[in-house]
């Protein structure tokens, strides 16, 4: 491969399966992260209490919120994580990259 003169943007697509053995712990972690976030609730559609209730009623949303995909490149020289997408679903595996949507 030819040497590049600057950074190259790459995309890595992943499917990760996890087993949630303690849903309450996941939800509590997501709620704690939300409470610790520096969010200006005056600019949001809902308030902190509504957002907490949404997390408490949706394990998949809570899990997706605390999954640390930003650690994907840790320890790889020359790689800097810039952003990504993470979501969680319950049920059988499917391929969201083949038009099944999210």
C-alpha atoms as a PDB file:
ATOM      1  CA  UNK A   1       0.000   0.000   0.000  1.00  0.00           C
ATOM      2  CA  UNK A   2       1.284   3.471  -0.843  1.00  0.00           C
ATOM      3  CA  UNK A   3       2.120   5.797   2.004  1.00  0.00           C
ATOM      4  CA  UNK A   4      -0.629   8.390   2.547  1.00  0.00           C
ATOM      5  CA  UNK A   5       0.293  12.033   3.001  1.00  0.00           C
ATOM      6  CA  UNK A   6      -2.515  12.619   5.524  1.00  0.00           C
ATOM      7  CA  UNK A   7      -5.137  10.916   7.632  1.00  0.00           C
ATOM      8  CA  UNK A   8      -7.485   8.472   5.924  1.00  0.00           C
ATOM      9  CA  UNK A   9     -11.090   8.123   7.090  1.00  0.00           C
ATOM     10  CA  UNK A  10     -12.122   4.468   7.382  1.00  0.00           C
ATOM     11  CA  UNK A  11     -15.391   2.843   8.436  1.00  0.00           C
ATOM     12  CA  UNK A  12     -15.586  -0.308  10.567  1.00  0.00           C
ATOM     13  CA  UNK A  13     -18.951  -2.045  10.780  1.00  0.00           C
ATOM     14  CA  UNK A  14     -19.507  -4.291  13.778  1.00  0.00           C
ATOM     15  CA  UNK A  15     -22.155  -6.540  15.183  1.00  0.00           C
ATOM     16  CA  UNK A  16     -21.589  -7.404  18.822  1.00  0.00           C
ATOM     17  CA  UNK A  17     -23.703  -9.821  20.832  1.00  0.00           C
ATOM     18  CA  UNK A  18     -23.888  -9.421  24.594  1.00  0.00           C
ATOM     19  CA  UNK A  19     -25.903 -11.111  27.321  1.00  0.00           C
ATOM     20  CA  UNK A  20     -27.369  -8.723  29.865  1.00  0.00           C
ATOM     21  CA  UNK A  21     -27.341 -10.577  33.166  1.00  0.00           C
ATOM     22  CA  UNK A  22     -28.477  -7.610  35.251  1.00  0.00           C
ATOM     23  CA  UNK A  23     -30.810  -5.244  33.355  1.00  0.00           C
ATOM     24  CA  UNK A  24     -31.269  -3.029  36.420  1.00  0.00           C
ATOM     25  CA  UNK A  25     -27.506  -2.466  36.666  1.00  0.00           C
ATOM     26  CA  UNK A  26     -27.344  -1.464  32.984  1.00  0.00           C
ATOM     27  CA  UNK A  27     -30.252   0.939  33.382  1.00  0.00           C
ATOM     28  CA  UNK A  28     -28.818   2.403  36.594  1.00  0.00           C
ATOM     29  CA  UNK A  29     -25.483   2.965  34.825  1.00  0.00           C
ATOM     30  CA  UNK A  30     -27.215   4.699  31.901  1.00  0.00           C
ATOM     31  CA  UNK A  31     -29.219   6.893  34.282  1.00  0.00           C
ATOM     32  CA  UNK A  32     -26.071   7.813  36.226  1.00  0.00           C
ATOM     33  CA  UNK A  33     -24.319   8.748  32.967  1.00  0.00           C
ATOM     34  CA  UNK A  34     -27.302  10.875  31.963  1.00  0.00           C
ATOM     35  CA  UNK A  35     -27.381  12.661  35.320  1.00  0.00           C
ATOM     36  CA  UNK A  36     -23.621  13.317  35.110  1.00  0.00           C
ATOM     37  CA  UNK A  37     -23.817  14.683  31.571  1.00  0.00           C
ATOM     38  CA  UNK A  38     -23.637  18.424  31.237  1.00  0.00           C
ATOM     39  CA  UNK A  39     -26.933  18.831  29.395  1.00  0.00           C
ATOM     40  CA  UNK A  40     -28.712  22.168  29.190  1.00  0.00           C
ATOM     41  CA  UNK A  41     -32.228  20.820  29.688  1.00  0.00           C
ATOM     42  CA  UNK A  42     -33.739  24.187  28.778  1.00  0.00           C
ATOM     43  CA  UNK A  43     -32.761  23.475  25.157  1.00  0.00           C
ATOM     44  CA  UNK A  44     -34.160  19.933  25.103  1.00  0.00           C
ATOM     45  CA  UNK A  45     -37.661  18.719  24.244  1.00  0.00           C
ATOM     46  CA  UNK A  46     -37.997  16.911  27.568  1.00  0.00           C
ATOM     47  CA  UNK A  47     -36.516  17.277  31.035  1.00  0.00           C
ATOM     48  CA  UNK A  48     -34.185  15.124  33.129  1.00  0.00           C
ATOM     49  CA  UNK A  49     -37.023  13.214  34.798  1.00  0.00           C
ATOM     50  CA  UNK A  50     -38.631  12.348  31.450  1.00  0.00           C
ATOM     51  CA  UNK A  51     -35.281  11.255  30.009  1.00  0.00           C
ATOM     52  CA  UNK A  52     -34.599   9.074  33.059  1.00  0.00           C
ATOM     53  CA  UNK A  53     -38.044   7.473  32.747  1.00  0.00           C
ATOM     54  CA  UNK A  54     -37.369   6.758  29.074  1.00  0.00           C
ATOM     55  CA  UNK A  55     -34.125   4.973  29.972  1.00  0.00           C
ATOM     56  CA  UNK A  56     -35.820   3.015  32.750  1.00  0.00           C
ATOM     57  CA  UNK A  57     -38.491   1.779  30.336  1.00  0.00           C
ATOM     58  CA  UNK A  58     -36.115   0.809  27.498  1.00  0.00           C
ATOM     59  CA  UNK A  59     -33.240  -1.593  28.228  1.00  0.00           C
ATOM     60  CA  UNK A  60     -32.005  -1.517  24.614  1.00  0.00           C
ATOM     61  CA  UNK A  61     -31.759   2.279  24.644  1.00  0.00           C
ATOM     62  CA  UNK A  62     -29.969   2.178  28.000  1.00  0.00           C
ATOM     63  CA  UNK A  63     -27.471  -0.431  26.810  1.00  0.00           C
ATOM     64  CA  UNK A  64     -26.762   1.441  23.583  1.00  0.00           C
ATOM     65  CA  UNK A  65     -26.178   4.599  25.580  1.00  0.00           C
ATOM     66  CA  UNK A  66     -23.472   3.091  27.756  1.00  0.00           C
ATOM     67  CA  UNK A  67     -21.737   0.888  25.169  1.00  0.00           C
ATOM     68  CA  UNK A  68     -18.256   2.361  24.813  1.00  0.00           C
ATOM     69  CA  UNK A  69     -17.666   2.051  21.075  1.00  0.00           C
ATOM     70  CA  UNK A  70     -15.174   4.883  21.357  1.00  0.00           C
ATOM     71  CA  UNK A  71     -12.734   2.410  22.889  1.00  0.00           C
ATOM     72  CA  UNK A  72     -12.646   0.390  19.665  1.00  0.00           C
ATOM     73  CA  UNK A  73      -9.359   1.873  18.462  1.00  0.00           C
ATOM     74  CA  UNK A  74      -7.653   2.062  21.849  1.00  0.00           C
ATOM     75  CA  UNK A  75      -4.159   0.643  21.740  1.00  0.00           C
ATOM     76  CA  UNK A  76      -3.915   0.741  17.944  1.00  0.00           C
ATOM     77  CA  UNK A  77      -1.090   3.095  16.938  1.00  0.00           C
ATOM     78  CA  UNK A  78      -2.147   5.756  14.454  1.00  0.00           C
ATOM     79  CA  UNK A  79      -5.893   5.325  15.028  1.00  0.00           C
ATOM     80  CA  UNK A  80      -8.098   8.058  16.478  1.00  0.00           C
ATOM     81  CA  UNK A  81     -11.792   7.374  17.151  1.00  0.00           C
ATOM     82  CA  UNK A  82     -13.946  10.169  15.690  1.00  0.00           C
ATOM     83  CA  UNK A  83     -17.504   8.960  16.103  1.00  0.00           C
ATOM     84  CA  UNK A  84     -19.851   6.148  15.368  1.00  0.00           C
ATOM     85  CA  UNK A  85     -23.260   4.658  15.831  1.00  0.00           C
ATOM     86  CA  UNK A  86     -24.299   2.147  18.417  1.00  0.00           C
ATOM     87  CA  UNK A  87     -27.718   0.722  19.065  1.00  0.00           C
ATOM     88  CA  UNK A  88     -29.055  -2.376  20.764  1.00  0.00           C
ATOM     89  CA  UNK A  89     -31.967  -4.616  19.890  1.00  0.00           C
ATOM     90  CA  UNK A  90     -33.496  -7.644  21.521  1.00  0.00           C
ATOM     91  CA  UNK A  91     -34.249 -10.691  19.426  1.00  0.00           C
ATOM     92  CA  UNK A  92     -32.591 -12.670  16.651  1.00  0.00           C
ATOM     93  CA  UNK A  93     -29.671 -11.207  14.723  1.00  0.00           C
ATOM     94  CA  UNK A  94     -30.427  -9.366  11.513  1.00  0.00           C
ATOM     95  CA  UNK A  95     -28.324  -7.451   9.003  1.00  0.00           C
ATOM     96  CA  UNK A  96     -29.119  -3.716   9.298  1.00  0.00           C
ATOM     97  CA  UNK A  97     -26.709  -2.979   6.450  1.00  0.00           C
ATOM     98  CA  UNK A  98     -28.886  -4.763   3.899  1.00  0.00           C
ATOM     99  CA  UNK A  99     -31.846  -2.390   3.891  1.00  0.00           C
ATOM    100  CA  UNK A 100     -33.686  -3.819   6.893  1.00  0.00           C
ATOM    101  CA  UNK A 101     -33.357  -0.422   8.572  1.00  0.00           C
ATOM    102  CA  UNK A 102     -32.977   0.237  12.200  1.00  0.00           C
END
